[in-house]
C-alpha atoms as a PDB file:
ATOM      1  CA  MET A   1      12.001  -0.449 -27.635  1.00  0.00           C
ATOM      2  CA  ILE A   2       8.688  -1.210 -29.382  1.00  0.00           C
ATOM      3  CA  ALA A   3       6.074  -3.042 -27.319  1.00  0.00           C
ATOM      4  CA  PRO A   4       5.403  -6.602 -28.572  1.00  0.00           C
ATOM      5  CA  ASN A   5       1.829  -5.987 -29.770  1.00  0.00           C
ATOM      6  CA  ALA A   6       2.214  -2.360 -30.787  1.00  0.00           C
ATOM      7  CA  PRO A   7       1.345  -1.481 -34.393  1.00  0.00           C
ATOM      8  CA  GLY A   8       4.401  -1.967 -36.565  1.00  0.00           C
ATOM      9  CA  SER A   9       5.930  -4.612 -34.302  1.00  0.00           C
ATOM     10  CA  ASP A  10       5.888  -8.361 -34.752  1.00  0.00           C
ATOM     11  CA  SER A  11       3.250 -10.264 -32.812  1.00  0.00           C
ATOM     12  CA  VAL A  12       1.734 -13.722 -32.846  1.00  0.00           C
ATOM     13  CA  ARG A  13      -1.736 -14.084 -34.354  1.00  0.00           C
ATOM     14  CA  LEU A  14      -3.994 -17.097 -34.008  1.00  0.00           C
ATOM     15  CA  LEU A  15      -5.352 -17.785 -37.484  1.00  0.00           C
ATOM     16  CA  PRO A  16      -9.014 -18.635 -38.175  1.00  0.00           C
ATOM     17  CA  TRP A  17      -8.148 -22.111 -39.484  1.00  0.00           C
ATOM     18  CA  SER A  18      -6.418 -25.235 -38.245  1.00  0.00           C
ATOM     19  CA  GLY A  19      -3.612 -27.242 -39.761  1.00  0.00           C
ATOM     20  CA  VAL A  20      -4.174 -30.633 -41.361  1.00  0.00           C
ATOM     21  CA  ASP A  21      -3.515 -32.270 -37.989  1.00  0.00           C
ATOM     22  CA  GLY A  22      -6.177 -30.110 -36.325  1.00  0.00           C
ATOM     23  CA  ASN A  23      -3.679 -27.998 -34.385  1.00  0.00           C
ATOM     24  CA  PRO A  24      -3.979 -24.208 -34.294  1.00  0.00           C
ATOM     25  CA  CYS A  25      -2.102 -22.156 -36.887  1.00  0.00           C
ATOM     26  CA  TYR A  26      -0.300 -18.906 -36.130  1.00  0.00           C
ATOM     27  CA  VAL A  27       1.410 -16.168 -38.074  1.00  0.00           C
ATOM     28  CA  LEU A  28       4.179 -13.947 -36.791  1.00  0.00           C
ATOM     29  CA  GLY A  29       4.187 -10.432 -38.189  1.00  0.00           C
ATOM     30  CA  ASP A  30       3.035  -6.874 -37.884  1.00  0.00           C
ATOM     31  CA  GLY A  31      -0.523  -7.627 -39.055  1.00  0.00           C
ATOM     32  CA  THR A  32      -0.133  -6.060 -42.492  1.00  0.00           C
ATOM     33  CA  GLY A  33       1.164  -9.026 -44.503  1.00  0.00           C
ATOM     34  CA  TYR A  34      -0.565 -11.280 -46.993  1.00  0.00           C
ATOM     35  CA  VAL A  35      -1.459 -14.037 -44.497  1.00  0.00           C
ATOM     36  CA  SER A  36      -2.927 -11.480 -42.084  1.00  0.00           C
ATOM     37  CA  ARG A  37      -5.075 -10.008 -44.873  1.00  0.00           C
ATOM     38  CA  VAL A  38      -6.288 -13.483 -45.877  1.00  0.00           C
ATOM     39  CA  ALA A  39      -7.080 -14.203 -42.213  1.00  0.00           C
ATOM     40  CA  ASP A  40      -9.047 -10.928 -41.976  1.00  0.00           C
ATOM     41  CA  ASN A  41     -11.087 -11.952 -45.033  1.00  0.00           C
ATOM     42  CA  VAL A  42     -11.704 -15.477 -43.696  1.00  0.00           C
ATOM     43  CA  GLU A  43     -12.847 -14.048 -40.336  1.00  0.00           C
ATOM     44  CA  SER A  44     -15.198 -11.676 -42.136  1.00  0.00           C
ATOM     45  CA  VAL A  45     -16.728 -14.545 -44.118  1.00  0.00           C
ATOM     46  CA  GLN A  46     -17.044 -16.711 -40.994  1.00  0.00           C
ATOM     47  CA  LEU A  47     -18.802 -13.947 -39.048  1.00  0.00           C
ATOM     48  CA  GLY A  48     -21.130 -13.237 -41.964  1.00  0.00           C
ATOM     49  CA  MET A  49     -22.021 -16.915 -42.296  1.00  0.00           C
ATOM     50  CA  ALA A  50     -22.705 -17.137 -38.553  1.00  0.00           C
ATOM     51  CA  ALA A  51     -25.087 -14.170 -38.794  1.00  0.00           C
ATOM     52  CA  GLU A  52     -26.891 -15.728 -41.759  1.00  0.00           C
ATOM     53  CA  LEU A  53     -27.164 -19.010 -39.865  1.00  0.00           C
ATOM     54  CA  LEU A  54     -28.816 -17.200 -36.952  1.00  0.00           C
ATOM     55  CA  ASP A  55     -31.403 -15.792 -39.365  1.00  0.00           C
ATOM     56  CA  HIS A  56     -32.045 -19.303 -40.680  1.00  0.00           C
ATOM     57  CA  VAL A  57     -32.459 -20.640 -37.136  1.00  0.00           C
ATOM     58  CA  ASP A  58     -34.977 -17.875 -36.397  1.00  0.00           C
ATOM     59  CA  ASP A  59     -36.973 -18.945 -39.456  1.00  0.00           C
ATOM     60  CA  MET A  60     -36.878 -22.563 -38.307  1.00  0.00           C
ATOM     61  CA  PHE A  61     -38.315 -21.616 -34.906  1.00  0.00           C
ATOM     62  CA  ASP A  62     -41.381 -20.232 -36.668  1.00  0.00           C
ATOM     63  CA  ASP A  63     -41.850 -23.359 -38.806  1.00  0.00           C
ATOM     64  CA  SER A  64     -43.993 -25.996 -37.077  1.00  0.00           C
ATOM     65  CA  GLU A  65     -43.087 -28.616 -39.689  1.00  0.00           C
ATOM     66  CA  VAL A  66     -39.342 -28.674 -39.061  1.00  0.00           C
ATOM     67  CA  THR A  67     -38.113 -32.254 -38.696  1.00  0.00           C
ATOM     68  CA  SER A  68     -35.704 -33.625 -36.121  1.00  0.00           C
ATOM     69  CA  VAL A  69     -33.214 -34.332 -38.926  1.00  0.00           C
ATOM     70  CA  GLN A  70     -33.322 -30.671 -39.969  1.00  0.00           C
ATOM     71  CA  LEU A  71     -32.869 -29.565 -36.369  1.00  0.00           C
ATOM     72  CA  ARG A  72     -29.878 -31.865 -35.832  1.00  0.00           C
ATOM     73  CA  TYR A  73     -28.319 -30.550 -39.036  1.00  0.00           C
ATOM     74  CA  VAL A  74     -28.758 -26.890 -38.090  1.00  0.00           C
ATOM     75  CA  VAL A  75     -27.480 -27.526 -34.541  1.00  0.00           C
ATOM     76  CA  ALA A  76     -24.321 -29.068 -36.027  1.00  0.00           C
ATOM     77  CA  ARG A  77     -23.848 -25.977 -38.235  1.00  0.00           C
ATOM     78  CA  VAL A  78     -24.446 -23.674 -35.241  1.00  0.00           C
ATOM     79  CA  ALA A  79     -21.768 -25.579 -33.297  1.00  0.00           C
ATOM     80  CA  GLU A  80     -19.329 -25.090 -36.192  1.00  0.00           C
ATOM     81  CA  ALA A  81     -20.146 -21.388 -36.369  1.00  0.00           C
ATOM     82  CA  LEU A  82     -19.695 -20.990 -32.612  1.00  0.00           C
ATOM     83  CA  ARG A  83     -16.268 -22.637 -32.824  1.00  0.00           C
ATOM     84  CA  ASP A  84     -15.301 -20.205 -35.582  1.00  0.00           C
ATOM     85  CA  VAL A  85     -16.581 -17.183 -33.660  1.00  0.00           C
ATOM     86  CA  CYS A  86     -14.854 -18.360 -30.470  1.00  0.00           C
ATOM     87  CA  ARG A  87     -11.531 -18.706 -32.309  1.00  0.00           C
ATOM     88  CA  ILE A  88     -11.957 -15.211 -33.805  1.00  0.00           C
ATOM     89  CA  ALA A  89     -12.722 -13.746 -30.374  1.00  0.00           C
ATOM     90  CA  GLU A  90      -9.724 -15.515 -28.863  1.00  0.00           C
ATOM     91  CA  SER A  91      -7.438 -14.290 -31.639  1.00  0.00           C
ATOM     92  CA  ARG A  92      -8.643 -10.710 -31.365  1.00  0.00           C
ATOM     93  CA  GLY A  93      -8.460 -10.774 -27.582  1.00  0.00           C
ATOM     94  CA  LEU A  94      -4.838 -11.875 -27.704  1.00  0.00           C
ATOM     95  CA  ARG A  95      -4.044  -8.990 -30.045  1.00  0.00           C
ATOM     96  CA  LEU A  96      -5.686  -6.507 -27.651  1.00  0.00           C
ATOM     97  CA  ARG A  97      -3.436  -7.393 -24.718  1.00  0.00           C
ATOM     98  CA  PRO A  98      -1.800  -4.397 -23.064  1.00  0.00           C
ATOM     99  CA  SER A  99       1.519  -3.689 -24.753  1.00  0.00           C
ATOM    100  CA  GLY A 100       3.545  -4.376 -21.609  1.00  0.00           C
ATOM    101  CA  GLN A 101       2.264  -7.946 -21.326  1.00  0.00           C
ATOM    102  CA  GLY A 102       3.641  -9.198 -24.611  1.00  0.00           C
ATOM    103  CA  PRO A 103       1.977 -11.392 -27.200  1.00  0.00           C
ATOM    104  CA  GLY A 104      -0.003 -13.961 -25.290  1.00  0.00           C
ATOM    105  CA  VAL A 105      -0.266 -17.592 -26.159  1.00  0.00           C
ATOM    106  CA  PRO A 106      -3.863 -18.790 -26.317  1.00  0.00           C
ATOM    107  CA  ASP A 107      -5.244 -21.252 -23.827  1.00  0.00           C
ATOM    108  CA  ALA A 108      -5.619 -24.538 -25.713  1.00  0.00           C
ATOM    109  CA  ASP A 109      -8.937 -25.258 -23.970  1.00  0.00           C
ATOM    110  CA  ALA A 110     -10.492 -21.802 -24.421  1.00  0.00           C
ATOM    111  CA  CYS A 111     -12.383 -22.869 -27.557  1.00  0.00           C
ATOM    112  CA  PRO A 112     -13.079 -26.576 -27.809  1.00  0.00           C
ATOM    113  CA  SER A 113     -12.231 -28.179 -31.118  1.00  0.00           C
ATOM    114  CA  GLU A 114     -14.498 -30.428 -33.096  1.00  0.00           C
ATOM    115  CA  SER A 115     -14.833 -33.833 -31.494  1.00  0.00           C
END
């Protein structure tokens, strides 16, 4: 018998986007299909954007003329990026579970959604 999260077996993956109703989206598969590849690309873009945002925040710290409106805007973008990164970490953590434990179901409160 193949372990539930072993390579080549079907497992549940939390996707890096939500459905229209805001609920999490999942894909069932071996991790090599089209949706999994799209999810890998989306995660890569999200992580890259988060890194670029951190560079922008660093620049803002050095600028004494930054306005409160600019700060509120960048804080909102940082919150979005943190939600994305949290979802990616949760998804990857679930896929790293020991093979004997099966494909976990994420904790709905692990990464807060946008409010």
